[in-house]
Amino acid sequence: MKSVEETLAYEDPSTVKAVMGGSLAGITLDRPRVIVDVNLLIMNRGQLLLGRRCGTGFANGQYSVPAGHLELGESVVVAAAREAKEELNINVDPDDMRFVQVMHNSYGIGRLAFFFEIERWEGDIVNMEPHKCDDLRWFDTGDLPVNMVPYIREAVGHYFSGHALTLYGW
């Protein structure tokens, strides 16, 4: 007969680092896998920074917030800071980011998009990816462009309304 300690024993599942090293302890293949996006709601004096997409094959000609995908082994906060540096050449302290929303999007196999409000950063904003963004500028929150990526428009609207969860396409 097992002791109480053996019955109640808990073994942590593999961490990302362990999985990258080959361990599959606690990994189940019958559960959904989703892509994780990080989105930067960069605000300055009532204006939101948006970039017009180009040359990517997705939503070219439409405005979106600076964004990117989570890489294996990083947290969503680290990913947001990395994207700010890669796309805009600014340094953002993770403690200065404020989580404001998550979107569960039905695109593809499913996506979770985390939105972070950023009002403080170091450095001057520069378009570091002109091959992916042909216009980067500030828009008044009450006068956003008509040609916005639809799910981004919905998420931004929910953010302005104070909603922390957006379901899109379900």
N, C-alpha and C. Protein backbone atom coordinates (compact mmCIF):
# COMPACT_ATOMS: atom_id res chain seq x y z
N MET A 1 0.84 -1.18 0.00
CA MET A 1 0.00 0.00 0.00
C MET A 1 0.89 1.25 0.00
N LYS A 2 0.48 2.29 -0.80
CA LYS A 2 1.26 3.52 -0.89
C LYS A 2 1.02 4.39 0.33
N SER A 3 2.07 5.09 0.72
CA SER A 3 1.93 6.04 1.83
C SER A 3 1.20 7.29 1.32
N VAL A 4 0.73 8.12 2.24
CA VAL A 4 0.05 9.36 1.88
C VAL A 4 0.98 10.24 1.04
N GLU A 5 2.25 10.29 1.42
CA GLU A 5 3.22 11.11 0.68
C GLU A 5 3.36 10.61 -0.76
N GLU A 6 3.38 9.29 -0.95
CA GLU A 6 3.49 8.74 -2.30
C GLU A 6 2.22 9.01 -3.11
N THR A 7 1.06 8.91 -2.47
CA THR A 7 -0.20 9.15 -3.15
C THR A 7 -0.35 10.61 -3.56
N LEU A 8 0.12 11.51 -2.71
CA LEU A 8 -0.02 12.94 -2.97
C LEU A 8 1.18 13.53 -3.69
N ALA A 9 2.13 12.69 -4.04
CA ALA A 9 3.35 13.19 -4.69
C ALA A 9 3.00 13.93 -5.98
N TYR A 10 3.73 14.97 -6.20
CA TYR A 10 3.54 15.77 -7.40
C TYR A 10 4.89 15.92 -8.08
N GLU A 11 4.88 15.68 -9.36
CA GLU A 11 6.11 15.84 -10.13
C GLU A 11 5.87 16.93 -11.17
N ASP A 12 6.71 17.96 -11.12
CA ASP A 12 6.57 19.04 -12.09
C ASP A 12 6.72 18.50 -13.50
N PRO A 13 5.87 18.98 -14.43
CA PRO A 13 6.07 18.60 -15.83
C PRO A 13 7.33 19.25 -16.36
N SER A 14 7.75 18.82 -17.52
CA SER A 14 8.95 19.38 -18.13
C SER A 14 8.79 20.88 -18.35
N THR A 15 9.87 21.60 -18.19
CA THR A 15 9.91 23.01 -18.54
C THR A 15 10.28 23.12 -20.01
N VAL A 16 10.15 24.31 -20.57
CA VAL A 16 10.53 24.52 -21.96
C VAL A 16 11.98 24.10 -22.17
N LYS A 17 12.84 24.47 -21.23
CA LYS A 17 14.26 24.12 -21.34
C LYS A 17 14.44 22.60 -21.40
N ALA A 18 13.71 21.88 -20.55
CA ALA A 18 13.82 20.42 -20.54
C ALA A 18 13.28 19.82 -21.84
N VAL A 19 12.17 20.37 -22.33
CA VAL A 19 11.60 19.86 -23.58
C VAL A 19 12.57 20.09 -24.73
N MET A 20 13.20 21.27 -24.74
CA MET A 20 14.18 21.55 -25.79
C MET A 20 15.35 20.57 -25.71
N GLY A 21 15.58 20.04 -24.51
CA GLY A 21 16.63 19.05 -24.32
C GLY A 21 16.17 17.62 -24.56
N GLY A 22 14.88 17.44 -24.90
CA GLY A 22 14.40 16.11 -25.25
C GLY A 22 13.42 15.48 -24.28
N SER A 23 13.18 16.06 -23.11
CA SER A 23 12.25 15.49 -22.13
C SER A 23 10.82 15.79 -22.52
N LEU A 24 9.97 14.78 -22.49
CA LEU A 24 8.55 14.98 -22.78
C LEU A 24 7.67 14.67 -21.56
N ALA A 25 8.26 14.64 -20.37
CA ALA A 25 7.49 14.37 -19.16
C ALA A 25 6.38 15.40 -18.99
N GLY A 26 5.17 14.93 -18.86
CA GLY A 26 4.03 15.81 -18.66
C GLY A 26 3.47 16.43 -19.93
N ILE A 27 4.05 16.12 -21.07
CA ILE A 27 3.58 16.68 -22.34
C ILE A 27 2.50 15.76 -22.90
N THR A 28 1.34 16.35 -23.22
CA THR A 28 0.26 15.56 -23.80
C THR A 28 0.05 16.01 -25.24
N LEU A 29 -0.05 15.07 -26.14
CA LEU A 29 -0.18 15.38 -27.55
C LEU A 29 -1.63 15.53 -27.99
N ASP A 30 -2.59 15.25 -27.09
CA ASP A 30 -4.00 15.33 -27.47
C ASP A 30 -4.64 16.66 -27.06
N ARG A 31 -3.82 17.64 -26.70
CA ARG A 31 -4.33 18.95 -26.30
C ARG A 31 -4.00 19.97 -27.39
N PRO A 32 -4.79 21.03 -27.46
CA PRO A 32 -4.53 22.04 -28.50
C PRO A 32 -3.15 22.69 -28.34
N ARG A 33 -2.56 23.02 -29.46
CA ARG A 33 -1.34 23.80 -29.50
C ARG A 33 -1.70 25.12 -30.17
N VAL A 34 -1.30 26.22 -29.60
CA VAL A 34 -1.64 27.52 -30.17
C VAL A 34 -0.38 28.34 -30.39
N ILE A 35 -0.47 29.24 -31.32
CA ILE A 35 0.57 30.23 -31.55
C ILE A 35 0.30 31.37 -30.58
N VAL A 36 1.35 31.93 -30.00
CA VAL A 36 1.21 33.03 -29.06
C VAL A 36 1.81 34.29 -29.68
N ASP A 37 1.01 35.34 -29.70
CA ASP A 37 1.43 36.63 -30.22
C ASP A 37 1.58 37.61 -29.06
N VAL A 38 2.47 38.58 -29.22
CA VAL A 38 2.56 39.70 -28.29
C VAL A 38 2.33 40.97 -29.10
N ASN A 39 1.52 41.85 -28.56
CA ASN A 39 1.13 43.08 -29.24
C ASN A 39 1.42 44.27 -28.33
N LEU A 40 1.99 45.32 -28.92
CA LEU A 40 2.41 46.48 -28.16
C LEU A 40 1.47 47.65 -28.42
N LEU A 41 0.77 48.07 -27.39
CA LEU A 41 -0.09 49.24 -27.49
C LEU A 41 0.72 50.41 -26.95
N ILE A 42 1.48 51.02 -27.84
CA ILE A 42 2.38 52.09 -27.45
C ILE A 42 1.60 53.40 -27.50
N MET A 43 1.43 53.99 -26.33
CA MET A 43 0.59 55.17 -26.16
C MET A 43 1.45 56.38 -25.81
N ASN A 44 1.06 57.53 -26.38
CA ASN A 44 1.75 58.78 -26.06
C ASN A 44 0.76 59.93 -26.22
N ARG A 45 0.39 60.55 -25.11
CA ARG A 45 -0.50 61.72 -25.12
C ARG A 45 -1.79 61.46 -25.89
N GLY A 46 -2.44 60.35 -25.60
CA GLY A 46 -3.72 60.04 -26.23
C GLY A 46 -3.62 59.53 -27.66
N GLN A 47 -2.41 59.18 -28.07
CA GLN A 47 -2.23 58.65 -29.42
C GLN A 47 -1.65 57.25 -29.35
N LEU A 48 -1.98 56.45 -30.36
CA LEU A 48 -1.55 55.07 -30.46
C LEU A 48 -0.63 54.93 -31.67
N LEU A 49 0.50 54.25 -31.50
CA LEU A 49 1.44 54.03 -32.59
C LEU A 49 0.98 52.85 -33.44
N LEU A 50 0.83 53.08 -34.74
CA LEU A 50 0.45 52.04 -35.68
C LEU A 50 1.40 52.04 -36.87
N GLY A 51 1.58 50.86 -37.43
CA GLY A 51 2.39 50.72 -38.63
C GLY A 51 1.59 50.06 -39.73
N ARG A 52 1.82 50.50 -40.97
CA ARG A 52 1.13 49.89 -42.12
C ARG A 52 1.98 48.75 -42.66
N ARG A 53 1.38 47.57 -42.71
CA ARG A 53 2.07 46.36 -43.13
C ARG A 53 2.36 46.37 -44.63
N CYS A 54 3.49 45.81 -44.99
CA CYS A 54 3.84 45.67 -46.41
C CYS A 54 4.81 44.50 -46.57
N GLY A 55 4.77 43.88 -47.72
CA GLY A 55 5.76 42.87 -48.07
C GLY A 55 5.77 41.59 -47.26
N THR A 56 4.71 41.33 -46.50
CA THR A 56 4.70 40.13 -45.65
C THR A 56 3.79 39.03 -46.19
N GLY A 57 2.87 39.40 -47.07
CA GLY A 57 1.90 38.43 -47.55
C GLY A 57 0.68 38.31 -46.65
N PHE A 58 0.66 39.03 -45.54
CA PHE A 58 -0.49 39.04 -44.64
C PHE A 58 -0.89 40.48 -44.34
N ALA A 59 -2.10 40.84 -44.67
CA ALA A 59 -2.70 42.13 -44.35
C ALA A 59 -1.87 43.31 -44.85
N ASN A 60 -1.22 43.14 -45.98
CA ASN A 60 -0.45 44.26 -46.55
C ASN A 60 -1.39 45.43 -46.82
N GLY A 61 -0.92 46.64 -46.51
CA GLY A 61 -1.72 47.84 -46.70
C GLY A 61 -2.62 48.18 -45.53
N GLN A 62 -2.63 47.34 -44.50
CA GLN A 62 -3.45 47.58 -43.32
C GLN A 62 -2.57 47.93 -42.12
N TYR A 63 -3.12 48.78 -41.26
CA TYR A 63 -2.39 49.21 -40.06
C TYR A 63 -2.56 48.20 -38.94
N SER A 64 -1.53 48.10 -38.14
CA SER A 64 -1.53 47.21 -36.99
C SER A 64 -0.62 47.81 -35.92
N VAL A 65 -0.73 47.27 -34.74
CA VAL A 65 0.20 47.65 -33.67
C VAL A 65 1.49 46.87 -33.86
N PRO A 66 2.61 47.36 -33.34
CA PRO A 66 3.83 46.55 -33.38
C PRO A 66 3.57 45.23 -32.64
N ALA A 67 4.02 44.14 -33.24
CA ALA A 67 3.68 42.83 -32.68
C ALA A 67 4.67 41.79 -33.17
N GLY A 68 4.61 40.63 -32.56
CA GLY A 68 5.43 39.53 -32.99
C GLY A 68 4.98 38.25 -32.31
N HIS A 69 5.76 37.21 -32.52
CA HIS A 69 5.43 35.89 -31.98
C HIS A 69 6.36 35.53 -30.83
N LEU A 70 5.82 34.80 -29.90
CA LEU A 70 6.60 34.25 -28.80
C LEU A 70 7.58 33.21 -29.36
N GLU A 71 8.80 33.29 -28.92
CA GLU A 71 9.79 32.29 -29.31
C GLU A 71 9.91 31.26 -28.20
N LEU A 72 10.25 30.05 -28.58
CA LEU A 72 10.38 28.98 -27.60
C LEU A 72 11.41 29.37 -26.54
N GLY A 73 11.02 29.26 -25.29
CA GLY A 73 11.93 29.54 -24.20
C GLY A 73 11.85 30.94 -23.63
N GLU A 74 10.91 31.78 -24.12
CA GLU A 74 10.80 33.12 -23.56
C GLU A 74 9.39 33.36 -23.03
N SER A 75 9.29 34.25 -22.07
CA SER A 75 7.98 34.63 -21.52
C SER A 75 7.36 35.68 -22.43
N VAL A 76 6.06 35.92 -22.26
CA VAL A 76 5.39 36.92 -23.09
C VAL A 76 5.94 38.32 -22.81
N VAL A 77 6.35 38.58 -21.59
CA VAL A 77 6.89 39.89 -21.25
C VAL A 77 8.25 40.10 -21.91
N VAL A 78 9.10 39.08 -21.87
CA VAL A 78 10.40 39.16 -22.54
C VAL A 78 10.20 39.31 -24.04
N ALA A 79 9.23 38.58 -24.60
CA ALA A 79 8.95 38.67 -26.03
C ALA A 79 8.50 40.09 -26.41
N ALA A 80 7.66 40.70 -25.59
CA ALA A 80 7.20 42.06 -25.87
C ALA A 80 8.36 43.05 -25.87
N ALA A 81 9.24 42.94 -24.89
CA ALA A 81 10.41 43.82 -24.83
C ALA A 81 11.32 43.58 -26.04
N ARG A 82 11.50 42.33 -26.42
CA ARG A 82 12.34 41.99 -27.58
C ARG A 82 11.75 42.59 -28.85
N GLU A 83 10.44 42.45 -29.04
CA GLU A 83 9.80 43.00 -30.23
C GLU A 83 9.92 44.52 -30.28
N ALA A 84 9.81 45.18 -29.13
CA ALA A 84 9.97 46.64 -29.09
C ALA A 84 11.36 47.03 -29.59
N LYS A 85 12.36 46.29 -29.19
CA LYS A 85 13.73 46.58 -29.62
C LYS A 85 13.91 46.25 -31.10
N GLU A 86 13.44 45.08 -31.52
CA GLU A 86 13.63 44.65 -32.91
C GLU A 86 12.89 45.54 -33.91
N GLU A 87 11.66 45.91 -33.59
CA GLU A 87 10.84 46.64 -34.56
C GLU A 87 10.97 48.15 -34.46
N LEU A 88 11.24 48.64 -33.24
CA LEU A 88 11.20 50.09 -33.02
C LEU A 88 12.49 50.69 -32.47
N ASN A 89 13.45 49.84 -32.13
CA ASN A 89 14.73 50.28 -31.57
C ASN A 89 14.58 51.01 -30.23
N ILE A 90 13.58 50.61 -29.45
CA ILE A 90 13.41 51.19 -28.12
C ILE A 90 13.59 50.11 -27.07
N ASN A 91 14.01 50.54 -25.91
CA ASN A 91 14.15 49.65 -24.77
C ASN A 91 12.98 49.86 -23.83
N VAL A 92 12.31 48.78 -23.50
CA VAL A 92 11.16 48.83 -22.60
C VAL A 92 11.46 47.94 -21.41
N ASP A 93 11.37 48.53 -20.24
CA ASP A 93 11.53 47.77 -19.00
C ASP A 93 10.26 46.95 -18.80
N PRO A 94 10.38 45.63 -18.65
CA PRO A 94 9.16 44.82 -18.44
C PRO A 94 8.29 45.32 -17.29
N ASP A 95 8.89 45.94 -16.28
CA ASP A 95 8.09 46.48 -15.18
C ASP A 95 7.26 47.69 -15.61
N ASP A 96 7.62 48.31 -16.74
CA ASP A 96 6.86 49.45 -17.25
C ASP A 96 5.76 49.05 -18.21
N MET A 97 5.66 47.77 -18.54
CA MET A 97 4.59 47.28 -19.41
C MET A 97 3.39 46.93 -18.53
N ARG A 98 2.22 47.20 -19.06
CA ARG A 98 1.01 46.83 -18.32
C ARG A 98 0.19 45.90 -19.20
N PHE A 99 -0.02 44.67 -18.71
CA PHE A 99 -0.87 43.74 -19.43
C PHE A 99 -2.28 44.30 -19.41
N VAL A 100 -2.92 44.38 -20.60
CA VAL A 100 -4.26 44.94 -20.66
C VAL A 100 -5.29 44.03 -21.30
N GLN A 101 -4.82 43.02 -22.05
CA GLN A 101 -5.81 42.20 -22.73
C GLN A 101 -5.20 40.92 -23.28
N VAL A 102 -6.04 39.90 -23.37
CA VAL A 102 -5.70 38.69 -24.11
C VAL A 102 -6.82 38.43 -25.10
N MET A 103 -6.42 38.02 -26.30
CA MET A 103 -7.39 37.68 -27.34
C MET A 103 -7.22 36.21 -27.68
N HIS A 104 -8.34 35.49 -27.70
CA HIS A 104 -8.32 34.12 -28.20
C HIS A 104 -8.89 34.19 -29.61
N ASN A 105 -8.05 33.93 -30.58
CA ASN A 105 -8.36 34.11 -31.99
C ASN A 105 -8.45 32.72 -32.63
N SER A 106 -9.45 32.52 -33.50
CA SER A 106 -9.64 31.21 -34.11
C SER A 106 -8.81 31.00 -35.37
N TYR A 107 -7.99 31.95 -35.78
CA TYR A 107 -7.17 31.78 -36.98
C TYR A 107 -6.31 30.53 -36.90
N GLY A 108 -6.19 29.84 -38.01
CA GLY A 108 -5.29 28.68 -38.08
C GLY A 108 -5.66 27.62 -37.06
N ILE A 109 -4.69 27.21 -36.28
CA ILE A 109 -4.92 26.20 -35.24
C ILE A 109 -5.29 26.87 -33.93
N GLY A 110 -5.47 28.16 -33.95
CA GLY A 110 -5.80 28.93 -32.76
C GLY A 110 -4.61 29.78 -32.34
N ARG A 111 -4.91 30.94 -31.83
CA ARG A 111 -3.87 31.86 -31.39
C ARG A 111 -4.30 32.50 -30.08
N LEU A 112 -3.32 32.78 -29.24
CA LEU A 112 -3.53 33.61 -28.07
C LEU A 112 -2.66 34.84 -28.26
N ALA A 113 -3.28 36.00 -28.16
CA ALA A 113 -2.56 37.24 -28.35
C ALA A 113 -2.60 38.05 -27.06
N PHE A 114 -1.44 38.38 -26.54
CA PHE A 114 -1.32 39.19 -25.34
C PHE A 114 -1.04 40.63 -25.75
N PHE A 115 -1.75 41.56 -25.13
CA PHE A 115 -1.60 42.98 -25.42
C PHE A 115 -1.04 43.69 -24.20
N PHE A 116 0.01 44.46 -24.42
CA PHE A 116 0.66 45.21 -23.36
C PHE A 116 0.63 46.69 -23.68
N GLU A 117 0.17 47.48 -22.73
CA GLU A 117 0.21 48.93 -22.86
C GLU A 117 1.60 49.40 -22.46
N ILE A 118 2.18 50.25 -23.29
CA ILE A 118 3.51 50.79 -23.02
C ILE A 118 3.43 52.31 -23.15
N GLU A 119 3.76 52.98 -22.06
CA GLU A 119 3.76 54.44 -22.05
C GLU A 119 5.14 55.01 -21.73
N ARG A 120 6.09 54.14 -21.38
CA ARG A 120 7.45 54.59 -21.06
C ARG A 120 8.44 53.70 -21.79
N TRP A 121 9.47 54.31 -22.35
CA TRP A 121 10.52 53.59 -23.05
C TRP A 121 11.75 54.47 -23.12
N GLU A 122 12.85 53.87 -23.46
CA GLU A 122 14.10 54.60 -23.67
C GLU A 122 14.46 54.53 -25.14
N GLY A 123 14.91 55.66 -25.66
CA GLY A 123 15.32 55.73 -27.06
C GLY A 123 14.27 56.39 -27.92
N ASP A 124 14.66 56.66 -29.14
CA ASP A 124 13.76 57.26 -30.13
C ASP A 124 13.18 56.15 -31.00
N ILE A 125 11.89 56.23 -31.23
CA ILE A 125 11.22 55.22 -32.06
C ILE A 125 11.69 55.36 -33.51
N VAL A 126 12.15 54.23 -34.05
CA VAL A 126 12.62 54.16 -35.43
C VAL A 126 12.01 52.91 -36.07
N ASN A 127 11.57 53.04 -37.30
CA ASN A 127 11.05 51.88 -38.03
C ASN A 127 12.24 51.01 -38.45
N MET A 128 12.45 49.92 -37.73
CA MET A 128 13.60 49.04 -37.98
C MET A 128 13.29 47.98 -39.04
N GLU A 129 12.05 47.91 -39.49
CA GLU A 129 11.67 46.90 -40.47
C GLU A 129 10.91 47.54 -41.65
N PRO A 130 11.55 48.44 -42.39
CA PRO A 130 10.85 49.11 -43.49
C PRO A 130 10.40 48.15 -44.59
N HIS A 131 10.97 46.97 -44.63
CA HIS A 131 10.54 45.95 -45.60
C HIS A 131 9.23 45.28 -45.18
N LYS A 132 8.80 45.50 -43.91
CA LYS A 132 7.55 44.95 -43.41
C LYS A 132 6.55 46.04 -43.02
N CYS A 133 7.03 47.28 -42.92
CA CYS A 133 6.20 48.39 -42.47
C CYS A 133 6.59 49.63 -43.27
N ASP A 134 5.65 50.13 -44.11
CA ASP A 134 6.01 51.28 -44.95
C ASP A 134 5.47 52.61 -44.43
N ASP A 135 4.82 52.60 -43.27
CA ASP A 135 4.36 53.84 -42.64
C ASP A 135 4.19 53.58 -41.15
N LEU A 136 4.87 54.35 -40.35
CA LEU A 136 4.80 54.21 -38.89
C LEU A 136 4.47 55.58 -38.35
N ARG A 137 3.30 55.68 -37.68
CA ARG A 137 2.93 56.99 -37.16
C ARG A 137 1.91 56.88 -36.03
N TRP A 138 1.71 58.03 -35.38
CA TRP A 138 0.79 58.15 -34.25
C TRP A 138 -0.60 58.50 -34.76
N PHE A 139 -1.61 57.88 -34.16
CA PHE A 139 -3.01 58.18 -34.49
C PHE A 139 -3.75 58.54 -33.21
N ASP A 140 -4.61 59.56 -33.29
CA ASP A 140 -5.50 59.85 -32.17
C ASP A 140 -6.39 58.65 -31.95
N THR A 141 -6.63 58.33 -30.69
CA THR A 141 -7.41 57.12 -30.39
C THR A 141 -8.84 57.22 -30.91
N GLY A 142 -9.35 58.42 -31.10
CA GLY A 142 -10.70 58.58 -31.64
C GLY A 142 -10.75 58.68 -33.15
N ASP A 143 -9.59 58.58 -33.79
CA ASP A 143 -9.52 58.74 -35.25
C ASP A 143 -8.54 57.74 -35.84
N LEU A 144 -8.80 56.46 -35.62
CA LEU A 144 -7.93 55.41 -36.13
C LEU A 144 -8.20 55.20 -37.62
N PRO A 145 -7.22 54.72 -38.36
CA PRO A 145 -7.42 54.54 -39.80
C PRO A 145 -8.46 53.46 -40.10
N VAL A 146 -9.14 53.63 -41.22
CA VAL A 146 -10.16 52.67 -41.65
C VAL A 146 -9.50 51.33 -41.98
N ASN A 147 -8.34 51.39 -42.60
CA ASN A 147 -7.67 50.17 -43.05
C ASN A 147 -6.77 49.61 -41.95
N MET A 148 -7.43 49.05 -40.92
CA MET A 148 -6.72 48.36 -39.85
C MET A 148 -6.98 46.86 -39.96
N VAL A 149 -6.02 46.06 -39.55
CA VAL A 149 -6.22 44.61 -39.48
C VAL A 149 -7.46 44.39 -38.61
N PRO A 150 -8.49 43.68 -39.09
CA PRO A 150 -9.76 43.58 -38.36
C PRO A 150 -9.64 43.09 -36.91
N TYR A 151 -8.87 42.05 -36.66
CA TYR A 151 -8.80 41.57 -35.27
C TYR A 151 -8.05 42.54 -34.38
N ILE A 152 -7.12 43.30 -34.94
CA ILE A 152 -6.42 44.33 -34.16
C ILE A 152 -7.38 45.47 -33.84
N ARG A 153 -8.19 45.87 -34.82
CA ARG A 153 -9.19 46.92 -34.57
C ARG A 153 -10.12 46.50 -33.42
N GLU A 154 -10.57 45.24 -33.46
CA GLU A 154 -11.47 44.78 -32.40
C GLU A 154 -10.77 44.76 -31.05
N ALA A 155 -9.55 44.26 -31.00
CA ALA A 155 -8.80 44.22 -29.74
C ALA A 155 -8.56 45.63 -29.19
N VAL A 156 -8.18 46.55 -30.07
CA VAL A 156 -7.94 47.93 -29.63
C VAL A 156 -9.23 48.55 -29.11
N GLY A 157 -10.34 48.30 -29.78
CA GLY A 157 -11.63 48.80 -29.29
C GLY A 157 -11.97 48.26 -27.91
N HIS A 158 -11.72 46.99 -27.71
CA HIS A 158 -11.97 46.40 -26.38
C HIS A 158 -11.03 46.98 -25.34
N TYR A 159 -9.79 47.21 -25.72
CA TYR A 159 -8.82 47.83 -24.80
C TYR A 159 -9.31 49.21 -24.37
N PHE A 160 -9.75 50.03 -25.34
CA PHE A 160 -10.24 51.37 -25.01
C PHE A 160 -11.49 51.30 -24.14
N SER A 161 -12.27 50.21 -24.25
CA SER A 161 -13.48 50.03 -23.44
C SER A 161 -13.20 49.39 -22.09
N GLY A 162 -11.95 48.99 -21.85
CA GLY A 162 -11.59 48.40 -20.57
C GLY A 162 -11.84 46.92 -20.46
N HIS A 163 -12.06 46.23 -21.57
CA HIS A 163 -12.28 44.79 -21.55
C HIS A 163 -10.94 44.06 -21.65
N ALA A 164 -10.75 43.07 -20.82
CA ALA A 164 -9.46 42.36 -20.77
C ALA A 164 -9.46 41.09 -21.61
N LEU A 165 -10.61 40.71 -22.17
CA LEU A 165 -10.69 39.49 -22.97
C LEU A 165 -11.44 39.78 -24.26
N THR A 166 -10.86 39.35 -25.37
CA THR A 166 -11.54 39.43 -26.65
C THR A 166 -11.53 38.04 -27.27
N LEU A 167 -12.69 37.60 -27.73
CA LEU A 167 -12.79 36.37 -28.51
C LEU A 167 -12.99 36.80 -29.96
N TYR A 168 -12.21 36.21 -30.85
CA TYR A 168 -12.31 36.63 -32.25
C TYR A 168 -12.44 35.42 -33.15
N GLY A 169 -13.51 35.38 -33.93
CA GLY A 169 -13.70 34.33 -34.92
C GLY A 169 -14.33 33.06 -34.38
N TRP A 170 -14.77 33.05 -33.15
CA TRP A 170 -15.36 31.83 -32.60
C TRP A 170 -16.86 31.87 -32.78
